[in-house]
């Protein structure tokens, strides 16, 4: 079961520091971030996104049967952490440019033929996420049985103290919040989220909590993250 931790990150700068810290943390085995083709289309005037937007349009010219509104994994591309930060910064920095990107994004999504997402920003039903999600944020932590006794002593000690039942060989998956059109277009009025940034984890609580607290410190956030045991 996925549990959520809230991080004291609401501005673009705070979220950028959080994403960088998560991506470089010593407990993270793999980072897998993805951007939907419509994001590249919306931001095509920016140099980081122009080649991807052009490549996708060229692909459309060759693959006439490509369904833009489908769940075909190739409609999302791998993205580096810095590309994700650049995309969020573009949409969430108030100004004429952000309005232009939002207009282009909604026009691209209209080409899919799908109904527009109607949920309020960061309030989609947990068991029924919108399609398409536009920014996918995923991190995988090392399974417990792959942790190093010296390098990862802190998390091992936290789990021992908590006396949790642990599936030692299970990968530990973490994911960011749902980011669809409402989040990109209206999620950060005046450049700030209305609520704290959420990260979800399916790992042992004490393991994930230890890692997330270290991530928040490395990101220089003002407060430690809050899990359900802190409420």
C-alpha atoms as a PDB file:
ATOM      1  CA  UNK A   1       0.000   0.000   0.000  1.00  0.00           C
ATOM      2  CA  UNK A   2       1.263   3.439  -0.921  1.00  0.00           C
ATOM      3  CA  UNK A   3       1.497   5.985   1.902  1.00  0.00           C
ATOM      4  CA  UNK A   4       2.057   9.712   1.415  1.00  0.00           C
ATOM      5  CA  UNK A   5       4.580  12.065   2.990  1.00  0.00           C
ATOM      6  CA  UNK A   6       4.087  15.806   2.645  1.00  0.00           C
ATOM      7  CA  UNK A   7       7.162  17.961   2.108  1.00  0.00           C
ATOM      8  CA  UNK A   8       7.474  21.645   2.978  1.00  0.00           C
ATOM      9  CA  UNK A   9       8.002  22.472  -0.687  1.00  0.00           C
ATOM     10  CA  UNK A  10       5.559  24.809  -2.395  1.00  0.00           C
ATOM     11  CA  UNK A  11       7.637  27.225  -4.455  1.00  0.00           C
ATOM     12  CA  UNK A  12       9.278  26.173  -7.706  1.00  0.00           C
ATOM     13  CA  UNK A  13      12.703  26.567  -6.107  1.00  0.00           C
ATOM     14  CA  UNK A  14      11.801  24.370  -3.127  1.00  0.00           C
ATOM     15  CA  UNK A  15      10.325  21.684  -5.373  1.00  0.00           C
ATOM     16  CA  UNK A  16      13.408  21.804  -7.604  1.00  0.00           C
ATOM     17  CA  UNK A  17      15.681  21.271  -4.595  1.00  0.00           C
ATOM     18  CA  UNK A  18      13.488  18.393  -3.427  1.00  0.00           C
ATOM     19  CA  UNK A  19      13.542  16.655  -6.822  1.00  0.00           C
ATOM     20  CA  UNK A  20      17.309  17.009  -7.102  1.00  0.00           C
ATOM     21  CA  UNK A  21      17.809  15.678  -3.591  1.00  0.00           C
ATOM     22  CA  UNK A  22      15.564  12.679  -4.215  1.00  0.00           C
ATOM     23  CA  UNK A  23      17.318  11.890  -7.473  1.00  0.00           C
ATOM     24  CA  UNK A  24      20.799  11.889  -5.947  1.00  0.00           C
ATOM     25  CA  UNK A  25      20.117  10.252  -2.592  1.00  0.00           C
ATOM     26  CA  UNK A  26      22.308   7.279  -1.699  1.00  0.00           C
ATOM     27  CA  UNK A  27      19.279   5.057  -1.050  1.00  0.00           C
ATOM     28  CA  UNK A  28      17.851   5.594  -4.550  1.00  0.00           C
ATOM     29  CA  UNK A  29      18.614   2.790  -6.989  1.00  0.00           C
ATOM     30  CA  UNK A  30      16.772   4.156 -10.016  1.00  0.00           C
ATOM     31  CA  UNK A  31      15.072   7.359 -11.145  1.00  0.00           C
ATOM     32  CA  UNK A  32      12.376   7.127 -13.824  1.00  0.00           C
ATOM     33  CA  UNK A  33      10.770  10.433 -14.796  1.00  0.00           C
ATOM     34  CA  UNK A  34       8.663  10.822 -17.940  1.00  0.00           C
ATOM     35  CA  UNK A  35       7.025  13.650 -19.871  1.00  0.00           C
ATOM     36  CA  UNK A  36       3.979  13.346 -22.110  1.00  0.00           C
ATOM     37  CA  UNK A  37       4.383  14.468 -25.721  1.00  0.00           C
ATOM     38  CA  UNK A  38       1.946  17.337 -25.102  1.00  0.00           C
ATOM     39  CA  UNK A  39       4.385  18.904 -22.623  1.00  0.00           C
ATOM     40  CA  UNK A  40       7.135  18.977 -25.244  1.00  0.00           C
ATOM     41  CA  UNK A  41       4.651  20.471 -27.715  1.00  0.00           C
ATOM     42  CA  UNK A  42       3.585  23.174 -25.272  1.00  0.00           C
ATOM     43  CA  UNK A  43       7.186  24.130 -24.473  1.00  0.00           C
ATOM     44  CA  UNK A  44       8.581  23.771 -27.994  1.00  0.00           C
ATOM     45  CA  UNK A  45       9.928  27.336 -27.999  1.00  0.00           C
ATOM     46  CA  UNK A  46      12.355  26.408 -25.212  1.00  0.00           C
ATOM     47  CA  UNK A  47      15.657  24.816 -26.288  1.00  0.00           C
ATOM     48  CA  UNK A  48      15.368  21.881 -23.853  1.00  0.00           C
ATOM     49  CA  UNK A  49      12.087  20.796 -25.425  1.00  0.00           C
ATOM     50  CA  UNK A  50      12.288  21.894 -29.071  1.00  0.00           C
ATOM     51  CA  UNK A  51      14.145  18.790 -30.373  1.00  0.00           C
ATOM     52  CA  UNK A  52      11.711  16.432 -28.649  1.00  0.00           C
ATOM     53  CA  UNK A  53       8.685  18.315 -29.972  1.00  0.00           C
ATOM     54  CA  UNK A  54      10.103  18.301 -33.506  1.00  0.00           C
ATOM     55  CA  UNK A  55      10.934  14.595 -33.324  1.00  0.00           C
ATOM     56  CA  UNK A  56       7.413  13.762 -32.203  1.00  0.00           C
ATOM     57  CA  UNK A  57       5.811  15.790 -34.990  1.00  0.00           C
ATOM     58  CA  UNK A  58       8.077  14.011 -37.485  1.00  0.00           C
ATOM     59  CA  UNK A  59       6.958  10.699 -36.028  1.00  0.00           C
ATOM     60  CA  UNK A  60       3.318  11.690 -36.504  1.00  0.00           C
ATOM     61  CA  UNK A  61       4.037  12.284 -40.168  1.00  0.00           C
ATOM     62  CA  UNK A  62       5.246   8.705 -40.503  1.00  0.00           C
ATOM     63  CA  UNK A  63       2.831   6.934 -38.148  1.00  0.00           C
ATOM     64  CA  UNK A  64      -0.573   8.060 -39.332  1.00  0.00           C
ATOM     65  CA  UNK A  65      -2.321   5.544 -37.118  1.00  0.00           C
ATOM     66  CA  UNK A  66      -0.742   6.700 -33.862  1.00  0.00           C
ATOM     67  CA  UNK A  67      -3.514   7.347 -31.343  1.00  0.00           C
ATOM     68  CA  UNK A  68      -2.589  10.479 -29.426  1.00  0.00           C
ATOM     69  CA  UNK A  69      -5.050   9.770 -26.632  1.00  0.00           C
ATOM     70  CA  UNK A  70      -4.014   6.176 -26.025  1.00  0.00           C
ATOM     71  CA  UNK A  71      -1.947   4.704 -23.214  1.00  0.00           C
ATOM     72  CA  UNK A  72       0.857   3.756 -25.594  1.00  0.00           C
ATOM     73  CA  UNK A  73       4.013   4.096 -23.438  1.00  0.00           C
ATOM     74  CA  UNK A  74       5.851   5.701 -26.343  1.00  0.00           C
ATOM     75  CA  UNK A  75       3.692   8.821 -25.919  1.00  0.00           C
ATOM     76  CA  UNK A  76       5.791   9.553 -22.837  1.00  0.00           C
ATOM     77  CA  UNK A  77       9.550   9.976 -23.019  1.00  0.00           C
ATOM     78  CA  UNK A  78      12.253   9.580 -20.427  1.00  0.00           C
ATOM     79  CA  UNK A  79      13.224  12.882 -18.857  1.00  0.00           C
ATOM     80  CA  UNK A  80      16.138  13.952 -16.719  1.00  0.00           C
ATOM     81  CA  UNK A  81      15.414  15.604 -13.393  1.00  0.00           C
ATOM     82  CA  UNK A  82      16.554  18.955 -14.782  1.00  0.00           C
ATOM     83  CA  UNK A  83      14.108  18.653 -17.687  1.00  0.00           C
ATOM     84  CA  UNK A  84      11.261  18.006 -15.264  1.00  0.00           C
ATOM     85  CA  UNK A  85      12.301  21.031 -13.231  1.00  0.00           C
ATOM     86  CA  UNK A  86      12.449  23.150 -16.391  1.00  0.00           C
ATOM     87  CA  UNK A  87       8.928  22.058 -17.358  1.00  0.00           C
ATOM     88  CA  UNK A  88       7.455  22.781 -13.927  1.00  0.00           C
ATOM     89  CA  UNK A  89       9.268  26.116 -13.815  1.00  0.00           C
ATOM     90  CA  UNK A  90       7.865  27.096 -17.213  1.00  0.00           C
ATOM     91  CA  UNK A  91       4.269  26.365 -16.236  1.00  0.00           C
ATOM     92  CA  UNK A  92       4.439  27.575 -12.644  1.00  0.00           C
ATOM     93  CA  UNK A  93       6.289  30.868 -13.091  1.00  0.00           C
ATOM     94  CA  UNK A  94       3.612  33.575 -13.448  1.00  0.00           C
ATOM     95  CA  UNK A  95       3.710  35.652 -16.607  1.00  0.00           C
ATOM     96  CA  UNK A  96       2.775  35.823 -20.259  1.00  0.00           C
ATOM     97  CA  UNK A  97       5.022  32.904 -21.164  1.00  0.00           C
ATOM     98  CA  UNK A  98       3.226  30.572 -18.748  1.00  0.00           C
ATOM     99  CA  UNK A  99      -0.136  31.598 -20.195  1.00  0.00           C
ATOM    100  CA  UNK A 100       1.185  30.835 -23.666  1.00  0.00           C
ATOM    101  CA  UNK A 101       2.427  27.398 -22.589  1.00  0.00           C
ATOM    102  CA  UNK A 102      -0.916  26.579 -20.993  1.00  0.00           C
ATOM    103  CA  UNK A 103      -2.790  27.531 -24.164  1.00  0.00           C
ATOM    104  CA  UNK A 104      -0.513  25.341 -26.270  1.00  0.00           C
ATOM    105  CA  UNK A 105      -0.832  22.459 -23.811  1.00  0.00           C
ATOM    106  CA  UNK A 106      -4.624  22.511 -23.846  1.00  0.00           C
ATOM    107  CA  UNK A 107      -4.630  22.739 -27.643  1.00  0.00           C
ATOM    108  CA  UNK A 108      -2.355  19.692 -27.836  1.00  0.00           C
ATOM    109  CA  UNK A 109      -4.561  17.734 -25.449  1.00  0.00           C
ATOM    110  CA  UNK A 110      -7.630  18.659 -27.507  1.00  0.00           C
ATOM    111  CA  UNK A 111      -6.020  16.775 -30.394  1.00  0.00           C
ATOM    112  CA  UNK A 112      -6.307  13.560 -28.368  1.00  0.00           C
ATOM    113  CA  UNK A 113     -10.109  13.619 -28.448  1.00  0.00           C
ATOM    114  CA  UNK A 114     -10.193  12.869 -24.728  1.00  0.00           C
ATOM    115  CA  UNK A 115     -12.434  14.790 -22.325  1.00  0.00           C
ATOM    116  CA  UNK A 116     -10.541  17.397 -20.375  1.00  0.00           C
ATOM    117  CA  UNK A 117      -9.544  16.585 -16.811  1.00  0.00           C
ATOM    118  CA  UNK A 118     -12.065  18.284 -14.536  1.00  0.00           C
ATOM    119  CA  UNK A 119     -10.580  17.744 -11.070  1.00  0.00           C
ATOM    120  CA  UNK A 120      -9.197  20.567  -8.967  1.00  0.00           C
ATOM    121  CA  UNK A 121      -5.380  20.759  -8.958  1.00  0.00           C
ATOM    122  CA  UNK A 122      -3.793  18.015  -6.841  1.00  0.00           C
ATOM    123  CA  UNK A 123      -7.231  16.656  -5.935  1.00  0.00           C
ATOM    124  CA  UNK A 124      -7.801  13.818  -8.395  1.00  0.00           C
ATOM    125  CA  UNK A 125      -9.427  10.662  -6.971  1.00  0.00           C
ATOM    126  CA  UNK A 126      -6.610   8.429  -5.633  1.00  0.00           C
ATOM    127  CA  UNK A 127      -8.085   5.286  -7.174  1.00  0.00           C
ATOM    128  CA  UNK A 128      -9.028   6.891 -10.481  1.00  0.00           C
ATOM    129  CA  UNK A 129      -6.145   9.051 -11.756  1.00  0.00           C
ATOM    130  CA  UNK A 130      -6.806  11.170 -14.841  1.00  0.00           C
ATOM    131  CA  UNK A 131      -5.578  10.204 -18.277  1.00  0.00           C
ATOM    132  CA  UNK A 132      -3.201  11.331 -19.475  1.00  0.00           C
ATOM    133  CA  UNK A 133      -0.903  12.153 -16.611  1.00  0.00           C
ATOM    134  CA  UNK A 134       1.618  14.563 -18.075  1.00  0.00           C
ATOM    135  CA  UNK A 135       4.573  14.391 -15.685  1.00  0.00           C
ATOM    136  CA  UNK A 136       5.443  11.032 -14.123  1.00  0.00           C
ATOM    137  CA  UNK A 137       7.832  11.088 -11.168  1.00  0.00           C
ATOM    138  CA  UNK A 138       9.143   7.743  -9.946  1.00  0.00           C
ATOM    139  CA  UNK A 139      12.033   6.657  -7.763  1.00  0.00           C
ATOM    140  CA  UNK A 140      13.020   3.154  -6.681  1.00  0.00           C
ATOM    141  CA  UNK A 141      14.888   2.617  -3.419  1.00  0.00           C
ATOM    142  CA  UNK A 142      17.176  -0.331  -2.787  1.00  0.00           C
ATOM    143  CA  UNK A 143      15.449  -3.383  -1.306  1.00  0.00           C
ATOM    144  CA  UNK A 144      16.320  -3.898   2.336  1.00  0.00           C
ATOM    145  CA  UNK A 145      18.466  -6.953   1.584  1.00  0.00           C
ATOM    146  CA  UNK A 146      20.643  -4.871  -0.764  1.00  0.00           C
ATOM    147  CA  UNK A 147      21.418  -2.164   1.786  1.00  0.00           C
ATOM    148  CA  UNK A 148      25.045  -1.853   2.827  1.00  0.00           C
ATOM    149  CA  UNK A 149      25.700  -2.258   6.551  1.00  0.00           C
ATOM    150  CA  UNK A 150      27.964   0.798   6.611  1.00  0.00           C
ATOM    151  CA  UNK A 151      26.664   3.072   3.853  1.00  0.00           C
ATOM    152  CA  UNK A 152      23.016   2.546   4.820  1.00  0.00           C
ATOM    153  CA  UNK A 153      23.396   2.049   8.564  1.00  0.00           C
ATOM    154  CA  UNK A 154      20.883   4.786   9.418  1.00  0.00           C
ATOM    155  CA  UNK A 155      17.883   3.189   7.715  1.00  0.00           C
ATOM    156  CA  UNK A 156      18.822  -0.264   8.977  1.00  0.00           C
ATOM    157  CA  UNK A 157      18.927   1.072  12.537  1.00  0.00           C
ATOM    158  CA  UNK A 158      15.575   2.847  12.072  1.00  0.00           C
ATOM    159  CA  UNK A 159      13.928  -0.374  10.897  1.00  0.00           C
ATOM    160  CA  UNK A 160      15.463  -2.371  13.730  1.00  0.00           C
ATOM    161  CA  UNK A 161      14.176   0.127  16.278  1.00  0.00           C
ATOM    162  CA  UNK A 162      10.691   0.143  14.716  1.00  0.00           C
ATOM    163  CA  UNK A 163      10.522  -3.676  14.743  1.00  0.00           C
ATOM    164  CA  UNK A 164       8.521  -3.690  11.515  1.00  0.00           C
ATOM    165  CA  UNK A 165       7.717  -6.770   9.484  1.00  0.00           C
ATOM    166  CA  UNK A 166       9.757  -6.257   6.317  1.00  0.00           C
ATOM    167  CA  UNK A 167       9.822  -8.034   2.973  1.00  0.00           C
ATOM    168  CA  UNK A 168      13.574  -7.705   2.624  1.00  0.00           C
ATOM    169  CA  UNK A 169      13.767  -8.547  -1.080  1.00  0.00           C
ATOM    170  CA  UNK A 170      10.916  -6.315  -2.277  1.00  0.00           C
ATOM    171  CA  UNK A 171      11.812  -3.200  -4.287  1.00  0.00           C
ATOM    172  CA  UNK A 172      10.656   0.031  -2.668  1.00  0.00           C
ATOM    173  CA  UNK A 173       8.732   2.251  -5.066  1.00  0.00           C
ATOM    174  CA  UNK A 174       8.126   5.959  -4.615  1.00  0.00           C
ATOM    175  CA  UNK A 175       6.122   8.295  -6.795  1.00  0.00           C
ATOM    176  CA  UNK A 176       5.271  11.952  -6.947  1.00  0.00           C
ATOM    177  CA  UNK A 177       1.803  13.484  -7.073  1.00  0.00           C
ATOM    178  CA  UNK A 178      -0.499  13.163 -10.055  1.00  0.00           C
ATOM    179  CA  UNK A 179       0.417  15.942 -12.479  1.00  0.00           C
ATOM    180  CA  UNK A 180      -2.088  16.328 -15.293  1.00  0.00           C
ATOM    181  CA  UNK A 181      -3.417  19.415 -17.082  1.00  0.00           C
ATOM    182  CA  UNK A 182      -5.113  20.984 -14.020  1.00  0.00           C
ATOM    183  CA  UNK A 183      -1.877  20.750 -12.039  1.00  0.00           C
ATOM    184  CA  UNK A 184       0.314  22.247 -14.768  1.00  0.00           C
ATOM    185  CA  UNK A 185      -2.165  24.948 -15.749  1.00  0.00           C
ATOM    186  CA  UNK A 186      -3.618  25.952 -12.382  1.00  0.00           C
ATOM    187  CA  UNK A 187      -1.607  24.161  -9.715  1.00  0.00           C
ATOM    188  CA  UNK A 188       0.635  27.029  -8.663  1.00  0.00           C
ATOM    189  CA  UNK A 189      -1.239  30.333  -8.523  1.00  0.00           C
ATOM    190  CA  UNK A 190       1.243  33.171  -8.135  1.00  0.00           C
ATOM    191  CA  UNK A 191       4.057  30.629  -8.446  1.00  0.00           C
ATOM    192  CA  UNK A 192       3.253  28.630  -5.309  1.00  0.00           C
ATOM    193  CA  UNK A 193       1.364  25.411  -4.631  1.00  0.00           C
ATOM    194  CA  UNK A 194      -1.626  25.712  -2.331  1.00  0.00           C
ATOM    195  CA  UNK A 195      -0.470  22.705  -0.297  1.00  0.00           C
ATOM    196  CA  UNK A 196       2.740  20.827   0.409  1.00  0.00           C
ATOM    197  CA  UNK A 197       4.276  18.605  -2.263  1.00  0.00           C
ATOM    198  CA  UNK A 198       3.473  14.909  -1.754  1.00  0.00           C
ATOM    199  CA  UNK A 199       5.652  11.866  -2.339  1.00  0.00           C
ATOM    200  CA  UNK A 200       4.187   8.376  -1.980  1.00  0.00           C
ATOM    201  CA  UNK A 201       6.043   5.229  -0.930  1.00  0.00           C
ATOM    202  CA  UNK A 202       5.183   1.539  -0.571  1.00  0.00           C
ATOM    203  CA  UNK A 203       8.230   0.655   1.522  1.00  0.00           C
ATOM    204  CA  UNK A 204       8.483  -0.124   5.231  1.00  0.00           C
ATOM    205  CA  UNK A 205       7.363   3.038   7.009  1.00  0.00           C
ATOM    206  CA  UNK A 206      10.539   3.446   9.060  1.00  0.00           C
ATOM    207  CA  UNK A 207      12.732   2.986   5.972  1.00  0.00           C
ATOM    208  CA  UNK A 208      10.865   5.494   3.805  1.00  0.00           C
ATOM    209  CA  UNK A 209      10.542   7.961   6.672  1.00  0.00           C
ATOM    210  CA  UNK A 210      14.283   7.841   7.374  1.00  0.00           C
ATOM    211  CA  UNK A 211      15.128   8.384   3.706  1.00  0.00           C
ATOM    212  CA  UNK A 212      12.624  11.211   3.261  1.00  0.00           C
ATOM    213  CA  UNK A 213      13.898  13.050   6.325  1.00  0.00           C
ATOM    214  CA  UNK A 214      17.404  12.892   4.904  1.00  0.00           C
ATOM    215  CA  UNK A 215      16.134  14.085   1.538  1.00  0.00           C
ATOM    216  CA  UNK A 216      14.416  17.091   3.144  1.00  0.00           C
ATOM    217  CA  UNK A 217      17.587  18.033   5.024  1.00  0.00           C
ATOM    218  CA  UNK A 218      19.686  17.766   1.871  1.00  0.00           C
ATOM    219  CA  UNK A 219      17.145  19.911   0.015  1.00  0.00           C
ATOM    220  CA  UNK A 220      17.360  22.489   2.831  1.00  0.00           C
ATOM    221  CA  UNK A 221      13.613  22.530   3.351  1.00  0.00           C
ATOM    222  CA  UNK A 222      12.420  24.436   6.389  1.00  0.00           C
ATOM    223  CA  UNK A 223      10.559  21.505   7.963  1.00  0.00           C
ATOM    224  CA  UNK A 224      10.960  17.710   7.967  1.00  0.00           C
ATOM    225  CA  UNK A 225       8.420  15.741   5.935  1.00  0.00           C
ATOM    226  CA  UNK A 226       5.195  14.631   7.562  1.00  0.00           C
ATOM    227  CA  UNK A 227       4.000  11.023   7.408  1.00  0.00           C
ATOM    228  CA  UNK A 228       0.827   9.632   8.916  1.00  0.00           C
ATOM    229  CA  UNK A 229       2.605   8.751  12.171  1.00  0.00           C
ATOM    230  CA  UNK A 230       3.402  12.445  12.628  1.00  0.00           C
ATOM    231  CA  UNK A 231      -0.257  13.475  12.519  1.00  0.00           C
END
